[in-house]
Amino acid sequence: MTYKLEIYDCTLRDGEQTAGASFSLEDRLKLLGMLDDLEVDYAEIGWPIGSNKEEILEAFRRSRNMNLKTKPVVFGSTSKASEISKDNKFRLLIEADTRYACIFGKTCPIHVKNQLKITLEENLESIRKSVGFLTNEGKEVTYDAEHYFDAFKRNKDYALITLENALAGGTNRIVLCDTNGGTLSDETKDIIEETYEHFMKKGIKPNLGVHFHNDCDSAFENARVCLPYIVQVQGTINGMGERIGNLDLTTFLGNYVLKMGNKAKLRIDLKKLREINKEAFRLAGLEMPGNKPYVGNNAFAHKAGVHIDAEMKGASYQHITPECVGNKGVILLNTFGGGSSIIATAREFGYELDKKNELVKNKTAILFNELQLLERKGYRIDDLRAEHFLLINKYFGNRKEILEVENWQAETGNLLKREDSSIFVLAKVLGKEVRRKINLEGGPIDAFYKALRNILEEDYPQVKDIHLEDYYVGIARRSEEESTVRTAISFRNGQEIFTTVGVDPNIIGSSKEALVKGFNYYLLKTANSKV
């Protein structure tokens, strides 16, 4: 039996409806290129309405020069106009420079009457004429049946008639949408099976697709039970979307290819899954959750001592090889892992420690006590490789940390609507005392960073190659007004990004600690081939 399954990505449209998410024109084009590299079949670029209309249309124009294999799709809704050719908003779907269009229409009588405020018959005509207009203009049209599963339960006959009208208009695909994400898989299976059989009895083999939201955490299971009846799955590459989000195509693709036999012979390059997830979240201005299946930082991270010991001895707790989805196994340096996590982490940096050796035992015990102290203070360094290296080097390495800050003083203020900062630093570079004062327009953290870099540049010119990538401040330990501050600073050196942490009652103090650690990690790393 021949199976067909198209992967249709909605990240640039539906994914942007995530709270706090937004994509610029350049973001859209970059993510579109990555989706093309992943080899998804279709990718929505956006809906050209509202304030970003011109940006969306420009994205389509530029996409023509990208030599895409992925088909770029313009999104929109059915038109209520009696003469669709005079509906300026609908005509924007024609103006978008692409062959492929997806429009959604109302399936549920309540929505037709209360939201569109037209009759049920007028809605059917709107669906048929809207699809037909785009088809006549040379578009390949996908029709999304909004709220289909709810509509089917309320008025099955009308729901099916809306699909028939889309077919009459010439749609290539009918996509059944669980728009509020409230349908569970038993109902889903019954409804799609009955829908499929309805058309087969009429002598029509329908090209059905599905579009599930994840409000009940059931999007994947819903998609799975539909597979015998569909040719297309819609979702977002990272589960982003309205409210809880959409079907996560990353999880779907991982499961379909690795667990379900890949019957459709999808050509998806799974090794690119983690990178495209990280980049999609970054471009959207969001932080990727660590617990995402397959691609999250914690997907193959081991914290408990029994798990770590088993991993070291080849008895894996991992359900797949992490590298096949672009991820990697991680040993979390923590007190839950006991001595096993310390031995395993040291091995990652090239130190083969004999845990029966008395000196190793003593150093491991001292390091373990320091870990306990760090955890009590709220450092949370479980998965931070740079922090791990600094600790392992401190107890088992042979290189001293290069930079120390003995005293500092910061002044900052906003006068005449301009922020100015001044920082004085008394530091030691391999024991040699250095003083530096920096005045600049900007914030105190930037001033501190530039002062430390200036101190190091004469002896270590390579520090010019590292830049601040991200800066995050949170509470380390809550104690009302006396809470301590946890600052995580990410540095970038070419393609490598690493993060260090500081904890202090003073936000500048916590930032200082993270900055000093970051410079020390980088300098030790460039001098030590074991990293």
Protein backbone atom coordinates (compact mmCIF):
# COMPACT_ATOMS: atom_id res chain seq x y z
CA MET A 1 0.00 0.00 0.00
CA THR A 2 1.28 3.47 -0.94
CA TYR A 3 1.10 6.09 1.79
CA LYS A 4 1.14 9.83 1.25
CA LEU A 5 1.62 12.40 3.96
CA GLU A 6 2.39 16.08 3.46
CA ILE A 7 3.92 18.18 6.23
CA TYR A 8 2.38 21.66 6.33
CA ASP A 9 4.01 24.19 8.65
CA CYS A 10 2.09 27.13 10.19
CA THR A 11 4.83 28.54 12.43
CA LEU A 12 5.14 31.91 10.69
CA ARG A 13 1.38 32.49 10.91
CA ASP A 14 -0.22 30.42 13.68
CA GLY A 15 3.01 30.31 15.69
CA GLU A 16 3.19 34.09 15.73
CA GLN A 17 -0.12 34.08 17.61
CA THR A 18 1.75 32.82 20.69
CA ALA A 19 1.66 35.35 23.51
CA GLY A 20 4.79 37.48 23.26
CA ALA A 21 5.88 36.18 19.84
CA SER A 22 6.60 38.23 16.74
CA PHE A 23 8.61 37.80 13.54
CA SER A 24 10.29 40.52 11.52
CA LEU A 25 10.61 40.32 7.75
CA GLU A 26 14.16 38.98 8.03
CA ASP A 27 13.04 36.49 10.69
CA ARG A 28 10.37 35.11 8.36
CA LEU A 29 12.80 34.63 5.52
CA LYS A 30 15.43 32.99 7.72
CA LEU A 31 12.94 30.53 9.24
CA LEU A 32 11.44 29.85 5.81
CA GLY A 33 14.91 28.90 4.59
CA MET A 34 15.37 26.55 7.53
CA LEU A 35 11.98 24.93 6.88
CA ASP A 36 13.10 24.40 3.30
CA ASP A 37 16.31 22.75 4.51
CA LEU A 38 14.19 20.52 6.74
CA GLU A 39 12.15 19.65 3.61
CA VAL A 40 8.63 20.33 4.82
CA ASP A 41 6.14 20.35 1.94
CA TYR A 42 4.27 23.58 2.67
CA ALA A 43 4.99 26.62 4.84
CA GLU A 44 2.62 29.49 5.55
CA ILE A 45 4.44 32.82 5.36
CA GLY A 46 1.53 34.79 6.78
CA TRP A 47 -1.85 36.46 6.42
CA PRO A 48 -1.49 39.84 4.66
CA ILE A 49 -3.86 41.94 6.73
CA GLY A 50 -3.52 44.73 9.28
CA SER A 51 -0.37 46.65 10.05
CA ASN A 52 2.06 44.00 8.78
CA LYS A 53 0.34 43.56 5.40
CA GLU A 54 3.18 45.07 3.37
CA GLU A 55 5.79 43.10 5.29
CA ILE A 56 4.02 39.82 4.54
CA LEU A 57 3.68 40.68 0.85
CA GLU A 58 7.36 41.64 0.72
CA ALA A 59 8.26 38.28 2.28
CA PHE A 60 6.44 36.54 -0.58
CA ARG A 61 8.23 38.68 -3.15
CA ARG A 62 11.63 37.87 -1.66
CA SER A 63 10.81 34.18 -1.31
CA ARG A 64 10.69 33.96 -5.11
CA ASN A 65 14.47 34.38 -5.16
CA MET A 66 15.16 31.68 -2.57
CA ASN A 67 14.93 28.67 -4.91
CA LEU A 68 12.62 26.91 -2.45
CA LYS A 69 11.53 23.29 -2.58
CA THR A 70 9.01 24.03 0.18
CA LYS A 71 5.82 25.58 -1.20
CA PRO A 72 5.16 29.05 0.34
CA VAL A 73 1.49 29.52 1.28
CA VAL A 74 -0.55 32.70 1.73
CA PHE A 75 -3.30 32.47 4.35
CA GLY A 76 -6.69 34.16 4.49
CA SER A 77 -10.42 33.70 5.07
CA THR A 78 -13.47 33.31 2.85
CA SER A 79 -15.03 36.48 1.48
CA LYS A 80 -18.57 37.64 2.26
CA ALA A 81 -18.59 40.05 -0.68
CA SER A 82 -21.20 39.50 -3.38
CA GLU A 83 -18.50 40.34 -5.95
CA ILE A 84 -15.30 38.81 -4.66
CA SER A 85 -13.22 40.56 -7.31
CA LYS A 86 -14.07 43.85 -5.56
CA ASP A 87 -13.07 42.60 -2.08
CA ASN A 88 -9.73 44.38 -1.64
CA LYS A 89 -8.72 42.33 1.42
CA PHE A 90 -9.39 39.06 -0.38
CA ARG A 91 -7.53 40.23 -3.48
CA LEU A 92 -4.38 40.49 -1.37
CA LEU A 93 -4.26 36.69 -1.56
CA ILE A 94 -3.85 37.11 -5.31
CA GLU A 95 -1.28 39.85 -4.86
CA ALA A 96 0.89 37.56 -2.71
CA ASP A 97 3.51 36.22 -5.08
CA THR A 98 2.83 32.49 -4.69
CA ARG A 99 0.81 29.71 -6.30
CA TYR A 100 -0.40 28.33 -2.98
CA ALA A 101 -3.24 29.65 -0.84
CA CYS A 102 -5.05 28.41 2.26
CA ILE A 103 -8.36 29.94 3.36
CA PHE A 104 -10.54 29.06 6.30
CA GLY A 105 -14.30 29.15 6.45
CA LYS A 106 -17.04 28.71 9.02
CA THR A 107 -18.38 25.21 9.62
CA CYS A 108 -20.53 25.68 12.70
CA PRO A 109 -23.99 27.33 12.28
CA ILE A 110 -23.59 29.28 15.54
CA HIS A 111 -20.43 30.95 14.24
CA VAL A 112 -22.05 31.68 10.88
CA LYS A 113 -25.02 33.41 12.48
CA ASN A 114 -23.31 35.15 15.40
CA GLN A 115 -19.89 36.01 13.97
CA LEU A 116 -20.40 36.43 10.22
CA LYS A 117 -24.05 37.48 10.65
CA ILE A 118 -25.10 35.84 7.38
CA THR A 119 -27.43 32.95 6.60
CA LEU A 120 -26.26 29.36 6.41
CA GLU A 121 -26.92 29.36 2.66
CA GLU A 122 -24.88 32.54 2.20
CA ASN A 123 -21.99 30.91 4.06
CA LEU A 124 -22.04 27.94 1.70
CA GLU A 125 -22.00 30.28 -1.28
CA SER A 126 -19.12 32.23 0.30
CA ILE A 127 -17.06 29.05 0.68
CA ARG A 128 -17.74 27.85 -2.86
CA LYS A 129 -17.16 31.24 -4.52
CA SER A 130 -14.05 32.08 -2.48
CA VAL A 131 -12.34 28.80 -3.30
CA GLY A 132 -13.50 29.06 -6.91
CA PHE A 133 -12.18 32.60 -7.32
CA LEU A 134 -8.70 31.62 -6.14
CA THR A 135 -8.75 28.45 -8.25
CA ASN A 136 -9.67 30.44 -11.35
CA GLU A 137 -6.75 32.77 -10.60
CA GLY A 138 -4.40 29.79 -10.82
CA LYS A 139 -3.96 29.13 -7.10
CA GLU A 140 -3.68 25.68 -5.56
CA VAL A 141 -6.17 26.05 -2.71
CA THR A 142 -6.27 24.36 0.68
CA TYR A 143 -9.52 24.82 2.56
CA ASP A 144 -9.40 24.86 6.39
CA ALA A 145 -12.75 23.91 7.94
CA GLU A 146 -12.70 25.93 11.17
CA HIS A 147 -14.11 24.25 14.31
CA TYR A 148 -14.94 21.19 12.20
CA PHE A 149 -15.02 18.64 15.01
CA ASP A 150 -17.31 20.74 17.21
CA ALA A 151 -19.48 21.58 14.20
CA PHE A 152 -19.79 17.90 13.28
CA LYS A 153 -21.04 17.07 16.77
CA ARG A 154 -23.60 19.88 16.69
CA ASN A 155 -24.83 19.66 13.11
CA LYS A 156 -23.18 16.90 11.13
CA ASP A 157 -25.18 17.48 7.97
CA TYR A 158 -24.27 21.15 7.70
CA ALA A 159 -20.61 20.50 8.51
CA LEU A 160 -20.39 18.00 5.66
CA ILE A 161 -22.18 20.33 3.24
CA THR A 162 -19.57 23.04 3.88
CA LEU A 163 -16.88 20.60 2.79
CA GLU A 164 -18.86 19.68 -0.32
CA ASN A 165 -19.05 23.35 -1.27
CA ALA A 166 -15.30 23.72 -0.86
CA LEU A 167 -14.85 20.76 -3.19
CA ALA A 168 -17.31 22.30 -5.64
CA GLY A 169 -15.14 25.41 -5.68
CA GLY A 170 -12.12 23.33 -6.64
CA THR A 171 -10.10 22.96 -3.43
CA ASN A 172 -7.10 20.62 -3.55
CA ARG A 173 -7.15 19.79 0.16
CA ILE A 174 -9.82 19.86 2.86
CA VAL A 175 -8.30 20.33 6.30
CA LEU A 176 -10.42 19.49 9.34
CA CYS A 177 -9.58 21.83 12.23
CA ASP A 178 -10.00 21.31 15.96
CA THR A 179 -9.76 25.04 16.46
CA ASN A 180 -10.37 25.15 20.22
CA GLY A 181 -8.28 22.05 20.92
CA GLY A 182 -11.03 20.39 22.94
CA THR A 183 -11.59 17.12 21.09
CA LEU A 184 -10.11 13.85 22.36
CA SER A 185 -8.84 11.06 20.16
CA ASP A 186 -11.80 8.64 20.45
CA GLU A 187 -14.19 11.28 19.10
CA THR A 188 -11.62 12.45 16.57
CA LYS A 189 -11.24 8.97 15.11
CA ASP A 190 -14.99 8.45 14.81
CA ILE A 191 -15.57 11.84 13.17
CA ILE A 192 -12.78 11.64 10.60
CA GLU A 193 -13.69 8.06 9.72
CA GLU A 194 -17.33 9.03 9.16
CA THR A 195 -16.29 12.09 7.15
CA TYR A 196 -14.00 10.00 4.96
CA GLU A 197 -16.68 7.36 4.39
CA HIS A 198 -19.25 10.06 3.55
CA PHE A 199 -17.22 11.09 0.51
CA MET A 200 -16.17 7.58 -0.47
CA LYS A 201 -19.85 6.59 -0.71
CA LYS A 202 -20.29 9.47 -3.15
CA GLY A 203 -17.43 8.15 -5.27
CA ILE A 204 -15.04 10.86 -4.08
CA LYS A 205 -11.68 9.99 -2.53
CA PRO A 206 -11.12 13.13 -0.45
CA ASN A 207 -7.68 14.63 0.14
CA LEU A 208 -8.14 15.33 3.84
CA GLY A 209 -5.78 17.03 6.23
CA VAL A 210 -5.92 17.89 9.93
CA HIS A 211 -5.08 20.96 12.01
CA PHE A 212 -5.11 20.36 15.77
CA HIS A 213 -4.67 22.77 18.63
CA ASN A 214 -3.26 21.37 21.86
CA ASP A 215 -5.51 22.77 24.60
CA CYS A 216 -6.12 19.30 26.07
CA ASP A 217 -2.59 18.05 25.35
CA SER A 218 -4.13 15.72 22.79
CA ALA A 219 -2.92 17.16 19.47
CA PHE A 220 -0.40 14.41 18.72
CA GLU A 221 -2.74 11.55 19.60
CA ASN A 222 -5.49 13.17 17.54
CA ALA A 223 -3.18 13.42 14.54
CA ARG A 224 -2.02 9.83 15.03
CA VAL A 225 -5.51 8.31 14.90
CA CYS A 226 -6.28 10.29 11.73
CA LEU A 227 -3.32 8.97 9.73
CA PRO A 228 -5.23 6.25 7.81
CA TYR A 229 -7.60 8.87 6.39
CA ILE A 230 -5.43 11.90 5.64
CA VAL A 231 -2.79 13.16 3.23
CA GLN A 232 -1.69 16.24 5.19
CA VAL A 233 -0.77 17.20 8.75
CA GLN A 234 -0.61 20.86 9.76
CA GLY A 235 1.24 22.15 12.80
CA THR A 236 4.02 24.40 14.03
CA ILE A 237 7.64 23.41 14.18
CA ASN A 238 7.76 23.99 17.91
CA GLY A 239 4.15 23.69 19.11
CA MET A 240 3.78 27.46 19.27
CA GLY A 241 0.35 28.95 18.62
CA GLU A 242 -2.78 30.52 20.02
CA ARG A 243 -3.42 29.79 23.74
CA ILE A 244 -1.65 26.47 24.54
CA GLY A 245 -0.41 26.05 20.99
CA ASN A 246 -0.73 23.77 17.98
CA LEU A 247 0.35 20.26 17.14
CA ASP A 248 4.11 20.26 17.63
CA LEU A 249 5.51 19.09 14.30
CA THR A 250 8.84 18.34 15.97
CA THR A 251 7.29 15.72 18.24
CA PHE A 252 5.07 14.47 15.43
CA LEU A 253 8.00 14.05 13.03
CA GLY A 254 10.20 12.41 15.65
CA ASN A 255 7.49 9.93 16.54
CA TYR A 256 6.35 9.30 12.97
CA VAL A 257 9.81 8.66 11.56
CA LEU A 258 11.48 6.97 14.53
CA LYS A 259 8.58 5.18 16.24
CA MET A 260 5.91 4.57 13.61
CA GLY A 261 7.88 3.24 10.66
CA ASN A 262 7.76 6.35 8.44
CA LYS A 263 5.29 4.66 6.11
CA ALA A 264 5.05 7.75 3.92
CA LYS A 265 8.85 7.78 3.47
CA LEU A 266 9.15 11.39 4.61
CA ARG A 267 12.47 12.95 3.59
CA ILE A 268 12.66 15.12 6.70
CA ASP A 269 16.23 15.66 7.95
CA LEU A 270 15.71 14.90 11.64
CA LYS A 271 19.23 16.02 12.53
CA LYS A 272 18.05 19.58 11.93
CA LEU A 273 15.11 19.39 14.36
CA ARG A 274 16.85 20.81 17.42
CA GLU A 275 18.51 23.68 15.60
CA ILE A 276 15.32 24.82 13.86
CA ASN A 277 13.43 24.68 17.16
CA LYS A 278 16.03 26.79 18.95
CA GLU A 279 16.11 29.29 16.10
CA ALA A 280 12.30 29.51 15.80
CA PHE A 281 11.97 30.37 19.48
CA ARG A 282 14.87 32.83 19.31
CA LEU A 283 13.49 34.60 16.24
CA ALA A 284 10.06 34.81 17.87
CA GLY A 285 11.60 36.40 20.97
CA LEU A 286 10.78 33.44 23.22
CA GLU A 287 12.81 31.01 25.31
CA MET A 288 12.63 27.35 24.31
CA PRO A 289 11.33 25.15 27.15
CA GLY A 290 13.92 22.67 28.35
CA ASN A 291 11.45 19.78 28.57
CA LYS A 292 10.45 19.61 24.90
CA PRO A 293 10.54 16.02 23.59
CA TYR A 294 13.47 15.19 21.30
CA VAL A 295 14.90 18.73 21.08
CA GLY A 296 14.79 20.32 24.56
CA ASN A 297 17.92 20.81 26.64
CA ASN A 298 16.54 18.29 29.14
CA ALA A 299 15.32 15.71 26.61
CA PHE A 300 18.41 13.56 27.18
CA ALA A 301 19.67 15.10 30.42
CA HIS A 302 20.41 12.82 33.37
CA LYS A 303 20.27 14.04 36.97
CA ALA A 304 19.67 11.05 39.27
CA GLY A 305 22.71 9.07 40.37
CA VAL A 306 21.30 5.69 39.29
CA HIS A 307 20.57 7.03 35.80
CA ILE A 308 24.01 8.61 35.45
CA ASP A 309 25.77 5.46 36.66
CA ALA A 310 23.78 3.37 34.17
CA GLU A 311 24.63 5.73 31.30
CA MET A 312 28.32 5.53 32.17
CA LYS A 313 28.14 1.73 32.08
CA GLY A 314 26.26 1.55 28.78
CA ALA A 315 22.80 0.75 30.21
CA SER A 316 21.03 3.67 28.57
CA TYR A 317 17.98 5.48 29.93
CA GLN A 318 17.59 7.16 26.51
CA HIS A 319 14.85 5.98 24.14
CA ILE A 320 16.82 7.01 21.02
CA THR A 321 20.30 8.18 20.13
CA PRO A 322 20.10 11.95 20.80
CA GLU A 323 22.34 12.83 17.85
CA CYS A 324 19.77 11.56 15.33
CA VAL A 325 17.57 14.58 16.15
CA GLY A 326 20.48 16.99 16.50
CA ASN A 327 20.58 16.77 20.30
CA LYS A 328 23.05 15.23 22.73
CA GLY A 329 23.07 13.43 26.05
CA VAL A 330 23.86 15.60 29.05
CA ILE A 331 25.02 14.72 32.54
CA LEU A 332 23.69 17.29 35.00
CA LEU A 333 26.22 18.23 37.65
CA ASN A 334 24.18 18.22 40.85
CA THR A 335 23.84 16.71 44.30
CA PHE A 336 21.11 14.25 43.23
CA GLY A 337 23.70 12.62 40.99
CA GLY A 338 26.18 12.29 43.84
CA GLY A 339 29.72 11.27 42.99
CA SER A 340 28.55 9.69 39.74
CA SER A 341 27.65 13.06 38.25
CA ILE A 342 31.06 14.49 39.20
CA ILE A 343 32.98 11.55 37.71
CA ALA A 344 30.84 11.62 34.54
CA THR A 345 31.18 15.38 34.13
CA ALA A 346 34.95 15.22 34.57
CA ARG A 347 35.10 12.55 31.88
CA GLU A 348 33.31 14.90 29.45
CA PHE A 349 36.24 17.31 29.86
CA GLY A 350 38.89 14.64 29.39
CA TYR A 351 39.60 13.74 33.03
CA GLU A 352 39.49 10.00 33.68
CA LEU A 353 39.11 9.83 37.46
CA ASP A 354 39.52 6.68 39.52
CA LYS A 355 36.74 6.93 42.08
CA LYS A 356 38.60 4.44 44.31
CA ASN A 357 41.62 6.73 44.55
CA GLU A 358 41.76 8.44 47.96
CA LEU A 359 42.77 11.85 46.59
CA VAL A 360 39.94 11.69 44.04
CA LYS A 361 37.54 10.67 46.81
CA ASN A 362 38.56 13.64 48.95
CA LYS A 363 38.35 16.16 46.13
CA THR A 364 35.02 14.73 45.00
CA ALA A 365 33.64 15.09 48.53
CA ILE A 366 34.78 18.73 48.74
CA LEU A 367 33.33 19.51 45.30
CA PHE A 368 30.09 17.82 46.35
CA ASN A 369 29.90 20.10 49.41
CA GLU A 370 30.42 23.13 47.17
CA LEU A 371 27.63 21.90 44.90
CA GLN A 372 25.32 21.68 47.91
CA LEU A 373 26.19 25.26 48.85
CA LEU A 374 25.61 26.49 45.28
CA GLU A 375 22.23 24.75 45.15
CA ARG A 376 21.18 26.24 48.49
CA LYS A 377 22.10 29.70 47.21
CA GLY A 378 20.07 29.20 44.03
CA TYR A 379 22.77 29.04 41.36
CA ARG A 380 20.99 26.29 39.36
CA ILE A 381 23.93 25.26 37.18
CA ASP A 382 22.64 21.75 36.36
CA ASP A 383 23.02 22.05 32.58
CA LEU A 384 25.53 24.90 32.22
CA ARG A 385 28.65 23.42 30.65
CA ALA A 386 30.87 26.43 31.33
CA GLU A 387 30.02 26.30 35.04
CA HIS A 388 30.75 22.57 35.07
CA PHE A 389 34.14 23.10 33.50
CA LEU A 390 35.15 25.80 35.97
CA LEU A 391 34.30 23.54 38.91
CA ILE A 392 36.05 20.49 37.47
CA ASN A 393 39.11 22.59 36.61
CA LYS A 394 39.14 24.04 40.13
CA TYR A 395 39.46 20.61 41.74
CA PHE A 396 41.04 18.39 39.09
CA GLY A 397 42.67 20.75 36.58
CA ASN A 398 46.11 22.29 36.67
CA ARG A 399 45.34 25.81 35.47
CA LYS A 400 44.57 28.74 37.74
CA GLU A 401 41.75 31.07 36.87
CA ILE A 402 43.19 34.10 35.14
CA LEU A 403 40.91 36.95 36.22
CA GLU A 404 39.91 37.99 39.73
CA VAL A 405 38.04 41.13 40.78
CA GLU A 406 38.97 42.32 44.26
CA ASN A 407 37.02 45.59 44.45
CA TRP A 408 34.66 47.54 42.25
CA GLN A 409 32.47 50.62 42.38
CA ALA A 410 29.67 51.54 39.98
CA GLU A 411 27.82 54.79 39.44
CA THR A 412 24.86 55.07 37.12
CA GLY A 413 22.10 57.57 36.51
CA ASN A 414 19.74 59.16 34.04
CA LEU A 415 20.32 62.87 33.59
CA LEU A 416 18.83 64.95 30.79
CA LYS A 417 17.19 61.78 29.43
CA ARG A 418 20.58 60.11 28.91
CA GLU A 419 21.80 57.10 30.84
CA ASP A 420 25.44 57.35 31.87
CA SER A 421 27.51 54.82 33.81
CA SER A 422 30.91 54.77 35.42
CA ILE A 423 32.69 51.70 36.74
CA PHE A 424 35.94 51.41 38.70
CA VAL A 425 37.54 47.95 38.89
CA LEU A 426 40.49 46.71 40.91
CA ALA A 427 41.39 43.33 39.44
CA LYS A 428 44.19 40.78 39.28
CA VAL A 429 45.31 39.06 36.09
CA LEU A 430 47.32 35.99 37.15
CA GLY A 431 48.18 37.83 40.34
CA LYS A 432 49.18 41.11 38.67
CA GLU A 433 47.12 44.03 40.01
CA VAL A 434 45.29 46.13 37.40
CA ARG A 435 43.04 49.16 37.87
CA ARG A 436 40.58 50.44 35.33
CA LYS A 437 37.87 53.08 35.17
CA ILE A 438 35.32 53.24 32.35
CA ASN A 439 32.80 56.01 31.66
CA LEU A 440 30.22 55.51 28.95
CA GLU A 441 26.72 56.26 27.78
CA GLY A 442 24.73 53.17 28.64
CA GLY A 443 24.13 50.80 31.52
CA PRO A 444 26.45 49.62 34.31
CA ILE A 445 26.62 46.00 33.09
CA ASP A 446 27.87 47.10 29.69
CA ALA A 447 30.42 49.31 31.46
CA PHE A 448 31.58 46.42 33.69
CA TYR A 449 31.90 44.09 30.69
CA LYS A 450 33.97 46.63 28.74
CA ALA A 451 36.18 47.37 31.74
CA LEU A 452 37.00 43.68 32.22
CA ARG A 453 37.60 43.16 28.53
CA ASN A 454 39.89 46.20 28.47
CA ILE A 455 41.85 44.82 31.42
CA LEU A 456 42.44 41.52 29.62
CA GLU A 457 43.02 42.70 26.04
CA GLU A 458 46.72 43.53 26.40
CA ASP A 459 47.73 40.02 27.47
CA TYR A 460 44.81 38.12 25.93
CA PRO A 461 43.76 39.82 22.66
CA GLN A 462 41.42 36.91 21.88
CA VAL A 463 38.85 38.34 24.32
CA LYS A 464 37.90 40.74 21.52
CA ASP A 465 36.23 37.76 19.86
CA ILE A 466 33.59 37.20 22.54
CA HIS A 467 30.38 39.18 22.79
CA LEU A 468 27.40 39.30 25.12
CA GLU A 469 24.56 37.24 23.63
CA ASP A 470 21.91 37.32 26.34
CA TYR A 471 21.33 38.61 29.85
CA TYR A 472 18.74 37.21 32.23
CA VAL A 473 17.96 38.27 35.80
CA GLY A 474 15.74 36.37 38.21
CA ILE A 475 15.36 35.59 41.90
CA ALA A 476 17.87 33.11 43.32
CA ARG A 477 16.23 32.66 46.71
CA ARG A 478 13.07 34.46 47.79
CA SER A 479 13.14 36.46 51.00
CA GLU A 480 10.83 39.36 50.16
CA GLU A 481 12.86 42.60 49.88
CA GLU A 482 16.06 40.78 50.89
CA SER A 483 15.89 38.19 48.09
CA THR A 484 19.13 37.40 46.30
CA VAL A 485 19.47 37.97 42.56
CA ARG A 486 20.53 35.31 40.03
CA THR A 487 22.06 36.68 36.84
CA ALA A 488 22.75 34.40 33.87
CA ILE A 489 24.89 35.89 31.10
CA SER A 490 25.36 34.16 27.76
CA PHE A 491 28.46 34.83 25.69
CA ARG A 492 28.98 34.18 22.00
CA ASN A 493 32.26 33.22 20.37
CA GLY A 494 31.55 32.62 16.70
CA GLN A 495 28.98 29.81 16.67
CA GLU A 496 29.55 28.75 20.29
CA ILE A 497 27.30 30.13 23.02
CA PHE A 498 28.04 29.50 26.70
CA THR A 499 26.41 30.71 29.91
CA THR A 500 27.71 31.54 33.38
CA VAL A 501 25.84 32.55 36.53
CA GLY A 502 26.29 34.90 39.46
CA VAL A 503 24.26 35.21 42.68
CA ASP A 504 24.38 38.25 44.95
CA PRO A 505 22.02 40.58 46.83
CA ASN A 506 23.21 43.28 44.39
CA ILE A 507 22.30 42.94 40.71
CA ILE A 508 25.61 44.47 39.64
CA GLY A 509 27.45 42.11 42.00
CA SER A 510 25.73 39.05 40.53
CA SER A 511 26.49 40.34 37.03
CA LYS A 512 30.14 40.86 37.96
CA GLU A 513 30.44 37.25 39.09
CA ALA A 514 28.89 35.93 35.88
CA LEU A 515 31.12 38.17 33.73
CA VAL A 516 34.31 37.12 35.50
CA LYS A 517 33.38 33.45 35.17
CA GLY A 518 32.60 33.92 31.49
CA PHE A 519 36.00 35.45 30.73
CA ASN A 520 37.79 32.79 32.79
CA TYR A 521 35.96 29.96 31.04
CA TYR A 522 36.78 31.37 27.62
CA LEU A 523 40.46 31.96 28.40
CA LEU A 524 40.94 28.57 30.03
CA LYS A 525 39.09 26.92 27.16
CA THR A 526 41.31 28.46 24.51
CA ALA A 527 44.38 27.31 26.42
CA ASN A 528 43.10 23.85 27.34
CA SER A 529 42.38 21.26 24.67
CA LYS A 530 40.42 19.18 27.14
CA VAL A 531 37.31 21.39 26.89
